Amino acid sequence: MLPKAIITAWKNRQPAVVLTTVDEKGLPNSIYAICADLYQDNEIVIANNYFDKTKQNIDTGTKASVLFITEEGNSYQLKGDVSYHTEGVYYDFMKAFNSVEHPGHGALVLHAQDGYSGQEKLF
């Protein structure tokens, strides 16, 4: 389970998050994602509505980070491994929060291993 400070901040975040993945040459790729939610207070799930480079990076085994900002302007960053799902509980969870106007091809799951608030390491 993520630390309570991160869970509380997530519930009070601005809608867009920044998702960063890395390609096999080490080049980062960052995107804004609005269709994201917290799964069981433990993992961040982001809908693949229009991934291109991000999906390529997932396919090569990228790690990722998610950066979000609270309504009060505090920043939080989670870093870790990712998995990708086109069926199962993560996919079903994504389909439940993803707007029907978006395709929701799959669900990226960030399995956070590090978390920060600004420069302060939270776990």
PDB file of N, CA and C in Angstrom:
ATOM      1  N   MET A   1       0.840  -1.181   0.000  1.00  0.00           N
ATOM      2  CA  MET A   1       0.000   0.000   0.000  1.00  0.00           C
ATOM      3  C   MET A   1       0.890   1.253   0.000  1.00  0.00           C
ATOM      4  N   LEU A   2       0.470   2.243  -0.754  1.00  0.00           N
ATOM      5  CA  LEU A   2       1.197   3.505  -0.792  1.00  0.00           C
ATOM      6  C   LEU A   2       1.050   4.237   0.541  1.00  0.00           C
ATOM      7  N   PRO A   3       2.018   5.105   0.882  1.00  0.00           N
ATOM      8  CA  PRO A   3       1.898   5.883   2.109  1.00  0.00           C
ATOM      9  C   PRO A   3       0.639   6.758   2.097  1.00  0.00           C
ATOM     10  N   LYS A   4       0.092   6.955   3.282  1.00  0.00           N
ATOM     11  CA  LYS A   4      -1.148   7.734   3.422  1.00  0.00           C
ATOM     12  C   LYS A   4      -1.024   9.125   2.804  1.00  0.00           C
ATOM     13  N   ALA A   5       0.151   9.759   2.930  1.00  0.00           N
ATOM     14  CA  ALA A   5       0.346  11.104   2.369  1.00  0.00           C
ATOM     15  C   ALA A   5       0.130  11.105   0.861  1.00  0.00           C
ATOM     16  N   ILE A   6       0.586  10.071   0.181  1.00  0.00           N
ATOM     17  CA  ILE A   6       0.418   9.996  -1.275  1.00  0.00           C
ATOM     18  C   ILE A   6      -1.034   9.707  -1.632  1.00  0.00           C
ATOM     19  N   ILE A   7      -1.665   8.821  -0.897  1.00  0.00           N
ATOM     20  CA  ILE A   7      -3.075   8.494  -1.160  1.00  0.00           C
ATOM     21  C   ILE A   7      -3.944   9.740  -0.977  1.00  0.00           C
ATOM     22  N   THR A   8      -3.705  10.469   0.091  1.00  0.00           N
ATOM     23  CA  THR A   8      -4.463  11.700   0.348  1.00  0.00           C
ATOM     24  C   THR A   8      -4.219  12.730  -0.746  1.00  0.00           C
ATOM     25  N   ALA A   9      -2.957  12.892  -1.137  1.00  0.00           N
ATOM     26  CA  ALA A   9      -2.616  13.845  -2.199  1.00  0.00           C
ATOM     27  C   ALA A   9      -3.277  13.448  -3.516  1.00  0.00           C
ATOM     28  N   TRP A  10      -3.268  12.165  -3.838  1.00  0.00           N
ATOM     29  CA  TRP A  10      -3.878  11.689  -5.087  1.00  0.00           C
ATOM     30  C   TRP A  10      -5.354  12.061  -5.147  1.00  0.00           C
ATOM     31  N   LYS A  11      -6.033  11.935  -4.041  1.00  0.00           N
ATOM     32  CA  LYS A  11      -7.468  12.232  -3.998  1.00  0.00           C
ATOM     33  C   LYS A  11      -7.739  13.723  -4.156  1.00  0.00           C
ATOM     34  N   ASN A  12      -6.720  14.547  -4.009  1.00  0.00           N
ATOM     35  CA  ASN A  12      -6.863  15.997  -4.116  1.00  0.00           C
ATOM     36  C   ASN A  12      -5.985  16.552  -5.243  1.00  0.00           C
ATOM     37  N   ARG A  13      -5.777  15.756  -6.282  1.00  0.00           N
ATOM     38  CA  ARG A  13      -4.856  16.159  -7.354  1.00  0.00           C
ATOM     39  C   ARG A  13      -5.576  16.905  -8.465  1.00  0.00           C
ATOM     40  N   GLN A  14      -4.789  17.649  -9.215  1.00  0.00           N
ATOM     41  CA  GLN A  14      -5.288  18.224 -10.460  1.00  0.00           C
ATOM     42  C   GLN A  14      -5.488  17.076 -11.447  1.00  0.00           C
ATOM     43  N   PRO A  15      -6.384  17.221 -12.418  1.00  0.00           N
ATOM     44  CA  PRO A  15      -6.753  16.088 -13.270  1.00  0.00           C
ATOM     45  C   PRO A  15      -5.611  15.448 -14.066  1.00  0.00           C
ATOM     46  N   ALA A  16      -4.737  16.238 -14.641  1.00  0.00           N
ATOM     47  CA  ALA A  16      -3.694  15.664 -15.510  1.00  0.00           C
ATOM     48  C   ALA A  16      -2.488  15.219 -14.695  1.00  0.00           C
ATOM     49  N   VAL A  17      -1.918  14.073 -15.108  1.00  0.00           N
ATOM     50  CA  VAL A  17      -0.650  13.603 -14.566  1.00  0.00           C
ATOM     51  C   VAL A  17       0.346  13.570 -15.718  1.00  0.00           C
ATOM     52  N   VAL A  18       1.614  13.554 -15.374  1.00  0.00           N
ATOM     53  CA  VAL A  18       2.658  13.396 -16.387  1.00  0.00           C
ATOM     54  C   VAL A  18       3.208  11.991 -16.241  1.00  0.00           C
ATOM     55  N   LEU A  19       3.121  11.223 -17.302  1.00  0.00           N
ATOM     56  CA  LEU A  19       3.653   9.862 -17.358  1.00  0.00           C
ATOM     57  C   LEU A  19       4.913   9.881 -18.203  1.00  0.00           C
ATOM     58  N   THR A  20       6.014   9.398 -17.638  1.00  0.00           N
ATOM     59  CA  THR A  20       7.275   9.342 -18.369  1.00  0.00           C
ATOM     60  C   THR A  20       7.734   7.894 -18.455  1.00  0.00           C
ATOM     61  N   THR A  21       8.060   7.482 -19.680  1.00  0.00           N
ATOM     62  CA  THR A  21       8.662   6.179 -19.941  1.00  0.00           C
ATOM     63  C   THR A  21       9.992   6.417 -20.645  1.00  0.00           C
ATOM     64  N   VAL A  22      10.746   5.352 -20.823  1.00  0.00           N
ATOM     65  CA  VAL A  22      12.072   5.468 -21.433  1.00  0.00           C
ATOM     66  C   VAL A  22      12.197   4.418 -22.527  1.00  0.00           C
ATOM     67  N   ASP A  23      12.776   4.815 -23.677  1.00  0.00           N
ATOM     68  CA  ASP A  23      12.953   3.844 -24.750  1.00  0.00           C
ATOM     69  C   ASP A  23      14.223   3.027 -24.530  1.00  0.00           C
ATOM     70  N   GLU A  24      14.452   2.081 -25.421  1.00  0.00           N
ATOM     71  CA  GLU A  24      15.595   1.169 -25.252  1.00  0.00           C
ATOM     72  C   GLU A  24      16.948   1.858 -25.384  1.00  0.00           C
ATOM     73  N   LYS A  25      16.967   3.077 -25.912  1.00  0.00           N
ATOM     74  CA  LYS A  25      18.212   3.849 -26.003  1.00  0.00           C
ATOM     75  C   LYS A  25      18.385   4.785 -24.816  1.00  0.00           C
ATOM     76  N   GLY A  26      17.410   4.789 -23.896  1.00  0.00           N
ATOM     77  CA  GLY A  26      17.487   5.633 -22.713  1.00  0.00           C
ATOM     78  C   GLY A  26      16.862   7.007 -22.867  1.00  0.00           C
ATOM     79  N   LEU A  27      16.183   7.253 -23.994  1.00  0.00           N
ATOM     80  CA  LEU A  27      15.543   8.551 -24.217  1.00  0.00           C
ATOM     81  C   LEU A  27      14.169   8.579 -23.549  1.00  0.00           C
ATOM     82  N   PRO A  28      13.916   9.595 -22.727  1.00  0.00           N
ATOM     83  CA  PRO A  28      12.614   9.673 -22.057  1.00  0.00           C
ATOM     84  C   PRO A  28      11.521  10.180 -22.988  1.00  0.00           C
ATOM     85  N   ASN A  29      10.317   9.780 -22.696  1.00  0.00           N
ATOM     86  CA  ASN A  29       9.133  10.257 -23.400  1.00  0.00           C
ATOM     87  C   ASN A  29       8.087  10.570 -22.339  1.00  0.00           C
ATOM     88  N   SER A  30       7.606  11.808 -22.308  1.00  0.00           N
ATOM     89  CA  SER A  30       6.612  12.223 -21.326  1.00  0.00           C
ATOM     90  C   SER A  30       5.327  12.617 -22.019  1.00  0.00           C
ATOM     91  N   ILE A  31       4.216  12.234 -21.407  1.00  0.00           N
ATOM     92  CA  ILE A  31       2.893  12.587 -21.924  1.00  0.00           C
ATOM     93  C   ILE A  31       2.014  13.051 -20.771  1.00  0.00           C
ATOM     94  N   TYR A  32       1.017  13.865 -21.098  1.00  0.00           N
ATOM     95  CA  TYR A  32      -0.035  14.182 -20.145  1.00  0.00           C
ATOM     96  C   TYR A  32      -1.084  13.085 -20.241  1.00  0.00           C
ATOM     97  N   ALA A  33      -1.563  12.652 -19.104  1.00  0.00           N
ATOM     98  CA  ALA A  33      -2.638  11.660 -19.077  1.00  0.00           C
ATOM     99  C   ALA A  33      -3.709  12.163 -18.109  1.00  0.00           C
ATOM    100  N   ILE A  34      -4.936  12.171 -18.577  1.00  0.00           N
ATOM    101  CA  ILE A  34      -6.045  12.609 -17.737  1.00  0.00           C
ATOM    102  C   ILE A  34      -6.814  11.401 -17.207  1.00  0.00           C
ATOM    103  N   CYS A  35      -6.844  10.330 -17.955  1.00  0.00           N
ATOM    104  CA  CYS A  35      -7.593   9.139 -17.566  1.00  0.00           C
ATOM    105  C   CYS A  35      -6.690   8.235 -16.735  1.00  0.00           C
ATOM    106  N   ALA A  36      -6.620   8.545 -15.436  1.00  0.00           N
ATOM    107  CA  ALA A  36      -5.772   7.805 -14.497  1.00  0.00           C
ATOM    108  C   ALA A  36      -6.490   7.705 -13.165  1.00  0.00           C
ATOM    109  N   ASP A  37      -6.224   6.613 -12.448  1.00  0.00           N
ATOM    110  CA  ASP A  37      -6.820   6.471 -11.123  1.00  0.00           C
ATOM    111  C   ASP A  37      -5.952   5.559 -10.266  1.00  0.00           C
ATOM    112  N   LEU A  38      -6.218   5.589  -8.985  1.00  0.00           N
ATOM    113  CA  LEU A  38      -5.482   4.815  -7.991  1.00  0.00           C
ATOM    114  C   LEU A  38      -6.234   3.514  -7.737  1.00  0.00           C
ATOM    115  N   TYR A  39      -5.546   2.389  -7.938  1.00  0.00           N
ATOM    116  CA  TYR A  39      -6.149   1.071  -7.755  1.00  0.00           C
ATOM    117  C   TYR A  39      -5.802   0.540  -6.368  1.00  0.00           C
ATOM    118  N   GLN A  40      -6.815   0.318  -5.550  1.00  0.00           N
ATOM    119  CA  GLN A  40      -6.690  -0.255  -4.206  1.00  0.00           C
ATOM    120  C   GLN A  40      -5.609   0.425  -3.365  1.00  0.00           C
ATOM    121  N   ASP A  41      -5.505   1.742  -3.491  1.00  0.00           N
ATOM    122  CA  ASP A  41      -4.527   2.537  -2.736  1.00  0.00           C
ATOM    123  C   ASP A  41      -3.100   2.006  -2.884  1.00  0.00           C
ATOM    124  N   ASN A  42      -2.817   1.376  -4.023  1.00  0.00           N
ATOM    125  CA  ASN A  42      -1.523   0.727  -4.170  1.00  0.00           C
ATOM    126  C   ASN A  42      -0.829   0.993  -5.499  1.00  0.00           C
ATOM    127  N   GLU A  43      -1.574   1.104  -6.581  1.00  0.00           N
ATOM    128  CA  GLU A  43      -0.971   1.240  -7.906  1.00  0.00           C
ATOM    129  C   GLU A  43      -1.722   2.290  -8.717  1.00  0.00           C
ATOM    130  N   ILE A  44      -0.992   2.960  -9.584  1.00  0.00           N
ATOM    131  CA  ILE A  44      -1.588   3.938 -10.487  1.00  0.00           C
ATOM    132  C   ILE A  44      -1.921   3.229 -11.793  1.00  0.00           C
ATOM    133  N   VAL A  45      -3.148   3.379 -12.248  1.00  0.00           N
ATOM    134  CA  VAL A  45      -3.585   2.798 -13.517  1.00  0.00           C
ATOM    135  C   VAL A  45      -3.886   3.942 -14.472  1.00  0.00           C
ATOM    136  N   ILE A  46      -3.299   3.867 -15.674  1.00  0.00           N
ATOM    137  CA  ILE A  46      -3.488   4.899 -16.695  1.00  0.00           C
ATOM    138  C   ILE A  46      -4.028   4.244 -17.957  1.00  0.00           C
ATOM    139  N   ALA A  47      -5.087   4.833 -18.499  1.00  0.00           N
ATOM    140  CA  ALA A  47      -5.711   4.303 -19.709  1.00  0.00           C
ATOM    141  C   ALA A  47      -4.855   4.592 -20.932  1.00  0.00           C
ATOM    142  N   ASN A  48      -4.670   3.584 -21.751  1.00  0.00           N
ATOM    143  CA  ASN A  48      -4.033   3.770 -23.051  1.00  0.00           C
ATOM    144  C   ASN A  48      -5.113   4.167 -24.036  1.00  0.00           C
ATOM    145  N   ASN A  49      -5.283   5.462 -24.165  1.00  0.00           N
ATOM    146  CA  ASN A  49      -6.230   5.956 -25.150  1.00  0.00           C
ATOM    147  C   ASN A  49      -5.539   6.305 -26.455  1.00  0.00           C
ATOM    148  N   TYR A  50      -4.350   6.874 -26.361  1.00  0.00           N
ATOM    149  CA  TYR A  50      -3.655   7.312 -27.573  1.00  0.00           C
ATOM    150  C   TYR A  50      -2.150   7.130 -27.450  1.00  0.00           C
ATOM    151  N   PHE A  51      -1.700   6.091 -26.734  1.00  0.00           N
ATOM    152  CA  PHE A  51      -0.265   5.832 -26.604  1.00  0.00           C
ATOM    153  C   PHE A  51       0.325   5.514 -27.977  1.00  0.00           C
ATOM    154  N   ASP A  52       1.498   6.012 -28.237  1.00  0.00           N
ATOM    155  CA  ASP A  52       2.276   5.623 -29.410  1.00  0.00           C
ATOM    156  C   ASP A  52       3.675   5.272 -28.922  1.00  0.00           C
ATOM    157  N   LYS A  53       4.516   6.289 -28.702  1.00  0.00           N
ATOM    158  CA  LYS A  53       5.848   6.024 -28.173  1.00  0.00           C
ATOM    159  C   LYS A  53       5.774   5.358 -26.808  1.00  0.00           C
ATOM    160  N   THR A  54       4.809   5.761 -26.011  1.00  0.00           N
ATOM    161  CA  THR A  54       4.643   5.165 -24.688  1.00  0.00           C
ATOM    162  C   THR A  54       4.424   3.661 -24.803  1.00  0.00           C
ATOM    163  N   LYS A  55       3.575   3.232 -25.716  1.00  0.00           N
ATOM    164  CA  LYS A  55       3.308   1.799 -25.899  1.00  0.00           C
ATOM    165  C   LYS A  55       4.558   1.089 -26.403  1.00  0.00           C
ATOM    166  N   GLN A  56       5.304   1.725 -27.296  1.00  0.00           N
ATOM    167  CA  GLN A  56       6.560   1.126 -27.762  1.00  0.00           C
ATOM    168  C   GLN A  56       7.513   0.925 -26.587  1.00  0.00           C
ATOM    169  N   ASN A  57       7.585   1.917 -25.707  1.00  0.00           N
ATOM    170  CA  ASN A  57       8.465   1.817 -24.542  1.00  0.00           C
ATOM    171  C   ASN A  57       7.999   0.718 -23.584  1.00  0.00           C
ATOM    172  N   ILE A  58       6.703   0.586 -23.411  1.00  0.00           N
ATOM    173  CA  ILE A  58       6.162  -0.489 -22.575  1.00  0.00           C
ATOM    174  C   ILE A  58       6.595  -1.837 -23.137  1.00  0.00           C
ATOM    175  N   ASP A  59       6.488  -1.976 -24.441  1.00  0.00           N
ATOM    176  CA  ASP A  59       6.833  -3.242 -25.091  1.00  0.00           C
ATOM    177  C   ASP A  59       8.303  -3.604 -24.948  1.00  0.00           C
ATOM    178  N   THR A  60       9.166  -2.617 -24.673  1.00  0.00           N
ATOM    179  CA  THR A  60      10.596  -2.911 -24.512  1.00  0.00           C
ATOM    180  C   THR A  60      10.999  -3.017 -23.042  1.00  0.00           C
ATOM    181  N   GLY A  61      10.017  -2.999 -22.126  1.00  0.00           N
ATOM    182  CA  GLY A  61      10.312  -3.224 -20.717  1.00  0.00           C
ATOM    183  C   GLY A  61      10.705  -1.996 -19.925  1.00  0.00           C
ATOM    184  N   THR A  62      10.162  -0.861 -20.274  1.00  0.00           N
ATOM    185  CA  THR A  62      10.489   0.393 -19.599  1.00  0.00           C
ATOM    186  C   THR A  62      10.131   0.399 -18.122  1.00  0.00           C
ATOM    187  N   LYS A  63      10.801   1.225 -17.384  1.00  0.00           N
ATOM    188  CA  LYS A  63      10.340   1.673 -16.075  1.00  0.00           C
ATOM    189  C   LYS A  63       9.632   3.000 -16.347  1.00  0.00           C
ATOM    190  N   ALA A  64       8.938   3.522 -15.339  1.00  0.00           N
ATOM    191  CA  ALA A  64       8.176   4.744 -15.584  1.00  0.00           C
ATOM    192  C   ALA A  64       8.098   5.588 -14.321  1.00  0.00           C
ATOM    193  N   SER A  65       7.666   6.820 -14.525  1.00  0.00           N
ATOM    194  CA  SER A  65       7.348   7.693 -13.401  1.00  0.00           C
ATOM    195  C   SER A  65       6.038   8.402 -13.701  1.00  0.00           C
ATOM    196  N   VAL A  66       5.321   8.704 -12.629  1.00  0.00           N
ATOM    197  CA  VAL A  66       4.099   9.491 -12.713  1.00  0.00           C
ATOM    198  C   VAL A  66       4.286  10.686 -11.788  1.00  0.00           C
ATOM    199  N   LEU A  67       4.080  11.862 -12.342  1.00  0.00           N
ATOM    200  CA  LEU A  67       4.184  13.107 -11.600  1.00  0.00           C
ATOM    201  C   LEU A  67       2.797  13.732 -11.555  1.00  0.00           C
ATOM    202  N   PHE A  68       2.367  14.133 -10.354  1.00  0.00           N
ATOM    203  CA  PHE A  68       1.085  14.823 -10.253  1.00  0.00           C
ATOM    204  C   PHE A  68       1.195  15.956  -9.247  1.00  0.00           C
ATOM    205  N   ILE A  69       0.259  16.889  -9.351  1.00  0.00           N
ATOM    206  CA  ILE A  69       0.247  18.076  -8.517  1.00  0.00           C
ATOM    207  C   ILE A  69      -1.116  18.162  -7.831  1.00  0.00           C
ATOM    208  N   THR A  70      -1.104  18.489  -6.548  1.00  0.00           N
ATOM    209  CA  THR A  70      -2.358  18.650  -5.820  1.00  0.00           C
ATOM    210  C   THR A  70      -2.966  20.007  -6.134  1.00  0.00           C
ATOM    211  N   GLU A  71      -4.210  20.181  -5.759  1.00  0.00           N
ATOM    212  CA  GLU A  71      -4.890  21.464  -5.956  1.00  0.00           C
ATOM    213  C   GLU A  71      -4.156  22.600  -5.237  1.00  0.00           C
ATOM    214  N   GLU A  72      -3.425  22.276  -4.164  1.00  0.00           N
ATOM    215  CA  GLU A  72      -2.667  23.287  -3.417  1.00  0.00           C
ATOM    216  C   GLU A  72      -1.300  23.564  -4.037  1.00  0.00           C
ATOM    217  N   GLY A  73      -0.937  22.806  -5.074  1.00  0.00           N
ATOM    218  CA  GLY A  73       0.335  23.035  -5.756  1.00  0.00           C
ATOM    219  C   GLY A  73       1.495  22.194  -5.260  1.00  0.00           C
ATOM    220  N   ASN A  74       1.241  21.166  -4.442  1.00  0.00           N
ATOM    221  CA  ASN A  74       2.303  20.271  -3.990  1.00  0.00           C
ATOM    222  C   ASN A  74       2.507  19.173  -5.026  1.00  0.00           C
ATOM    223  N   SER A  75       3.770  18.866  -5.328  1.00  0.00           N
ATOM    224  CA  SER A  75       4.053  17.856  -6.346  1.00  0.00           C
ATOM    225  C   SER A  75       4.441  16.527  -5.704  1.00  0.00           C
ATOM    226  N   TYR A  76       4.074  15.464  -6.380  1.00  0.00           N
ATOM    227  CA  TYR A  76       4.383  14.100  -5.964  1.00  0.00           C
ATOM    228  C   TYR A  76       4.836  13.324  -7.182  1.00  0.00           C
ATOM    229  N   GLN A  77       5.817  12.459  -6.975  1.00  0.00           N
ATOM    230  CA  GLN A  77       6.308  11.627  -8.068  1.00  0.00           C
ATOM    231  C   GLN A  77       6.450  10.196  -7.578  1.00  0.00           C
ATOM    232  N   LEU A  78       5.950   9.270  -8.384  1.00  0.00           N
ATOM    233  CA  LEU A  78       6.083   7.838  -8.114  1.00  0.00           C
ATOM    234  C   LEU A  78       6.899   7.231  -9.242  1.00  0.00           C
ATOM    235  N   LYS A  79       7.803   6.311  -8.892  1.00  0.00           N
ATOM    236  CA  LYS A  79       8.667   5.670  -9.889  1.00  0.00           C
ATOM    237  C   LYS A  79       8.622   4.162  -9.685  1.00  0.00           C
ATOM    238  N   GLY A  80       8.696   3.419 -10.793  1.00  0.00           N
ATOM    239  CA  GLY A  80       8.736   1.969 -10.642  1.00  0.00           C
ATOM    240  C   GLY A  80       8.549   1.226 -11.939  1.00  0.00           C
ATOM    241  N   ASP A  81       8.286  -0.054 -11.792  1.00  0.00           N
ATOM    242  CA  ASP A  81       8.042  -0.939 -12.921  1.00  0.00           C
ATOM    243  C   ASP A  81       6.629  -0.727 -13.440  1.00  0.00           C
ATOM    244  N   VAL A  82       6.423  -1.132 -14.682  1.00  0.00           N
ATOM    245  CA  VAL A  82       5.082  -1.063 -15.262  1.00  0.00           C
ATOM    246  C   VAL A  82       4.671  -2.427 -15.793  1.00  0.00           C
ATOM    247  N   SER A  83       3.373  -2.620 -15.840  1.00  0.00           N
ATOM    248  CA  SER A  83       2.800  -3.766 -16.543  1.00  0.00           C
ATOM    249  C   SER A  83       1.686  -3.221 -17.419  1.00  0.00           C
ATOM    250  N   TYR A  84       1.292  -4.017 -18.407  1.00  0.00           N
ATOM    251  CA  TYR A  84       0.285  -3.570 -19.369  1.00  0.00           C
ATOM    252  C   TYR A  84      -0.755  -4.671 -19.514  1.00  0.00           C
ATOM    253  N   HIS A  85      -2.031  -4.275 -19.490  1.00  0.00           N
ATOM    254  CA  HIS A  85      -3.107  -5.253 -19.451  1.00  0.00           C
ATOM    255  C   HIS A  85      -4.209  -4.906 -20.460  1.00  0.00           C
ATOM    256  N   THR A  86      -4.653  -5.920 -21.199  1.00  0.00           N
ATOM    257  CA  THR A  86      -5.772  -5.759 -22.129  1.00  0.00           C
ATOM    258  C   THR A  86      -6.962  -6.620 -21.712  1.00  0.00           C
ATOM    259  N   GLU A  87      -6.861  -7.196 -20.524  1.00  0.00           N
ATOM    260  CA  GLU A  87      -7.963  -7.938 -19.916  1.00  0.00           C
ATOM    261  C   GLU A  87      -7.640  -8.102 -18.436  1.00  0.00           C
ATOM    262  N   GLY A  88      -8.621  -8.540 -17.669  1.00  0.00           N
ATOM    263  CA  GLY A  88      -8.401  -8.788 -16.252  1.00  0.00           C
ATOM    264  C   GLY A  88      -8.795  -7.607 -15.376  1.00  0.00           C
ATOM    265  N   VAL A  89      -8.400  -7.671 -14.090  1.00  0.00           N
ATOM    266  CA  VAL A  89      -8.887  -6.696 -13.115  1.00  0.00           C
ATOM    267  C   VAL A  89      -8.410  -5.276 -13.387  1.00  0.00           C
ATOM    268  N   TYR A  90      -7.158  -5.102 -13.794  1.00  0.00           N
ATOM    269  CA  TYR A  90      -6.669  -3.749 -14.085  1.00  0.00           C
ATOM    270  C   TYR A  90      -7.385  -3.168 -15.296  1.00  0.00           C
ATOM    271  N   TYR A  91      -7.564  -3.980 -16.314  1.00  0.00           N
ATOM    272  CA  TYR A  91      -8.270  -3.530 -17.518  1.00  0.00           C
ATOM    273  C   TYR A  91      -9.714  -3.158 -17.180  1.00  0.00           C
ATOM    274  N   ASP A  92     -10.387  -3.999 -16.422  1.00  0.00           N
ATOM    275  CA  ASP A  92     -11.773  -3.726 -16.035  1.00  0.00           C
ATOM    276  C   ASP A  92     -11.862  -2.452 -15.196  1.00  0.00           C
ATOM    277  N   PHE A  93     -10.900  -2.270 -14.289  1.00  0.00           N
ATOM    278  CA  PHE A  93     -10.851  -1.055 -13.473  1.00  0.00           C
ATOM    279  C   PHE A  93     -10.705   0.173 -14.364  1.00  0.00           C
ATOM    280  N   MET A  94      -9.780   0.091 -15.337  1.00  0.00           N
ATOM    281  CA  MET A  94      -9.570   1.213 -16.261  1.00  0.00           C
ATOM    282  C   MET A  94     -10.833   1.512 -17.056  1.00  0.00           C
ATOM    283  N   LYS A  95     -11.494   0.486 -17.543  1.00  0.00           N
ATOM    284  CA  LYS A  95     -12.710   0.692 -18.326  1.00  0.00           C
ATOM    285  C   LYS A  95     -13.804   1.372 -17.494  1.00  0.00           C
ATOM    286  N   ALA A  96     -13.803   1.140 -16.184  1.00  0.00           N
ATOM    287  CA  ALA A  96     -14.814   1.734 -15.310  1.00  0.00           C
ATOM    288  C   ALA A  96     -14.600   3.232 -15.130  1.00  0.00           C
ATOM    289  N   PHE A  97     -13.340   3.717 -15.130  1.00  0.00           N
ATOM    290  CA  PHE A  97     -13.126   5.159 -14.948  1.00  0.00           C
ATOM    291  C   PHE A  97     -12.847   5.894 -16.251  1.00  0.00           C
ATOM    292  N   ASN A  98     -12.472   5.189 -17.292  1.00  0.00           N
ATOM    293  CA  ASN A  98     -12.154   5.826 -18.570  1.00  0.00           C
ATOM    294  C   ASN A  98     -13.435   6.274 -19.263  1.00  0.00           C
ATOM    295  N   SER A  99     -13.425   7.471 -19.780  1.00  0.00           N
ATOM    296  CA  SER A  99     -14.593   7.996 -20.479  1.00  0.00           C
ATOM    297  C   SER A  99     -14.915   7.131 -21.703  1.00  0.00           C
ATOM    298  N   VAL A 100     -16.188   6.888 -21.947  1.00  0.00           N
ATOM    299  CA  VAL A 100     -16.601   6.052 -23.084  1.00  0.00           C
ATOM    300  C   VAL A 100     -16.239   6.680 -24.426  1.00  0.00           C
ATOM    301  N   GLU A 101     -15.939   7.974 -24.434  1.00  0.00           N
ATOM    302  CA  GLU A 101     -15.551   8.627 -25.687  1.00  0.00           C
ATOM    303  C   GLU A 101     -14.096   8.315 -26.077  1.00  0.00           C
ATOM    304  N   HIS A 102     -13.356   7.703 -25.175  1.00  0.00           N
ATOM    305  CA  HIS A 102     -11.971   7.318 -25.454  1.00  0.00           C
ATOM    306  C   HIS A 102     -11.885   5.811 -25.657  1.00  0.00           C
ATOM    307  N   PRO A 103     -10.919   5.345 -26.475  1.00  0.00           N
ATOM    308  CA  PRO A 103     -10.876   3.928 -26.830  1.00  0.00           C
ATOM    309  C   PRO A 103     -10.470   2.973 -25.711  1.00  0.00           C
ATOM    310  N   GLY A 104      -9.624   3.376 -24.791  1.00  0.00           N
ATOM    311  CA  GLY A 104      -9.204   2.479 -23.713  1.00  0.00           C
ATOM    312  C   GLY A 104      -8.648   1.163 -24.211  1.00  0.00           C
ATOM    313  N   HIS A 105      -7.611   1.231 -25.038  1.00  0.00           N
ATOM    314  CA  HIS A 105      -7.013   0.030 -25.624  1.00  0.00           C
ATOM    315  C   HIS A 105      -6.421  -0.913 -24.582  1.00  0.00           C
ATOM    316  N   GLY A 106      -5.900  -0.354 -23.503  1.00  0.00           N
ATOM    317  CA  GLY A 106      -5.279  -1.160 -22.461  1.00  0.00           C
ATOM    318  C   GLY A 106      -5.032  -0.313 -21.233  1.00  0.00           C
ATOM    319  N   ALA A 107      -4.537  -0.971 -20.185  1.00  0.00           N
ATOM    320  CA  ALA A 107      -4.269  -0.295 -18.914  1.00  0.00           C
ATOM    321  C   ALA A 107      -2.793  -0.439 -18.562  1.00  0.00           C
ATOM    322  N   LEU A 108      -2.105   0.694 -18.430  1.00  0.00           N
ATOM    323  CA  LEU A 108      -0.749   0.708 -17.910  1.00  0.00           C
ATOM    324  C   LEU A 108      -0.864   0.777 -16.394  1.00  0.00           C
ATOM    325  N   VAL A 109      -0.107  -0.060 -15.704  1.00  0.00           N
ATOM    326  CA  VAL A 109      -0.102  -0.054 -14.246  1.00  0.00           C
ATOM    327  C   VAL A 109       1.307   0.284 -13.780  1.00  0.00           C
ATOM    328  N   LEU A 110       1.411   1.330 -12.973  1.00  0.00           N
ATOM    329  CA  LEU A 110       2.682   1.685 -12.352  1.00  0.00           C
ATOM    330  C   LEU A 110       2.739   1.015 -10.987  1.00  0.00           C
ATOM    331  N   HIS A 111       3.711   0.118 -10.817  1.00  0.00           N
ATOM    332  CA  HIS A 111       3.964  -0.566  -9.555  1.00  0.00           C
ATOM    333  C   HIS A 111       5.077   0.224  -8.867  1.00  0.00           C
ATOM    334  N   ALA A 112       4.667   1.215  -8.079  1.00  0.00           N
ATOM    335  CA  ALA A 112       5.613   2.178  -7.513  1.00  0.00           C
ATOM    336  C   ALA A 112       6.582   1.516  -6.536  1.00  0.00           C
ATOM    337  N   GLN A 113       7.847   1.875  -6.714  1.00  0.00           N
ATOM    338  CA  GLN A 113       8.906   1.391  -5.830  1.00  0.00           C
ATOM    339  C   GLN A 113       9.560   2.536  -5.056  1.00  0.00           C
ATOM    340  N   ASP A 114       9.350   3.753  -5.525  1.00  0.00           N
ATOM    341  CA  ASP A 114       9.843   4.957  -4.868  1.00  0.00           C
ATOM    342  C   ASP A 114       8.766   6.027  -4.978  1.00  0.00           C
ATOM    343  N   GLY A 115       8.661   6.851  -3.942  1.00  0.00           N
ATOM    344  CA  GLY A 115       7.711   7.946  -3.970  1.00  0.00           C
ATOM    345  C   GLY A 115       8.304   9.171  -3.312  1.00  0.00           C
ATOM    346  N   TYR A 116       8.014  10.328  -3.904  1.00  0.00           N
ATOM    347  CA  TYR A 116       8.579  11.598  -3.431  1.00  0.00           C
ATOM    348  C   TYR A 116       7.504  12.671  -3.364  1.00  0.00           C
ATOM    349  N   SER A 117       7.691  13.590  -2.440  1.00  0.00           N
ATOM    350  CA  SER A 117       6.956  14.836  -2.417  1.00  0.00           C
ATOM    351  C   SER A 117       8.022  15.915  -2.529  1.00  0.00           C
ATOM    352  N   GLY A 118       8.096  16.547  -3.706  1.00  0.00           N
ATOM    353  CA  GLY A 118       9.216  17.429  -3.960  1.00  0.00           C
ATOM    354  C   GLY A 118      10.497  16.609  -3.874  1.00  0.00           C
ATOM    355  N   GLN A 119      11.458  17.051  -3.067  1.00  0.00           N
ATOM    356  CA  GLN A 119      12.712  16.300  -2.930  1.00  0.00           C
ATOM    357  C   GLN A 119      12.673  15.293  -1.767  1.00  0.00           C
ATOM    358  N   GLU A 120      11.595  15.317  -0.980  1.00  0.00           N
ATOM    359  CA  GLU A 120      11.497  14.419   0.169  1.00  0.00           C
ATOM    360  C   GLU A 120      11.057  13.018  -0.261  1.00  0.00           C
ATOM    361  N   LYS A 121      11.900  12.024   0.046  1.00  0.00           N
ATOM    362  CA  LYS A 121      11.555  10.651  -0.267  1.00  0.00           C
ATOM    363  C   LYS A 121      10.563  10.142   0.770  1.00  0.00           C
ATOM    364  N   LEU A 122       9.400   9.638   0.291  1.00  0.00           N
ATOM    365  CA  LEU A 122       8.354   9.162   1.180  1.00  0.00           C
ATOM    366  C   LEU A 122       8.405   7.653   1.397  1.00  0.00           C
ATOM    367  N   PHE A 123       8.968   6.930   0.430  1.00  0.00           N
ATOM    368  CA  PHE A 123       9.185   5.481   0.585  1.00  0.00           C
ATOM    369  C   PHE A 123      10.184   5.016  -0.450  1.00  0.00           C
TER     370      PHE A 123
END
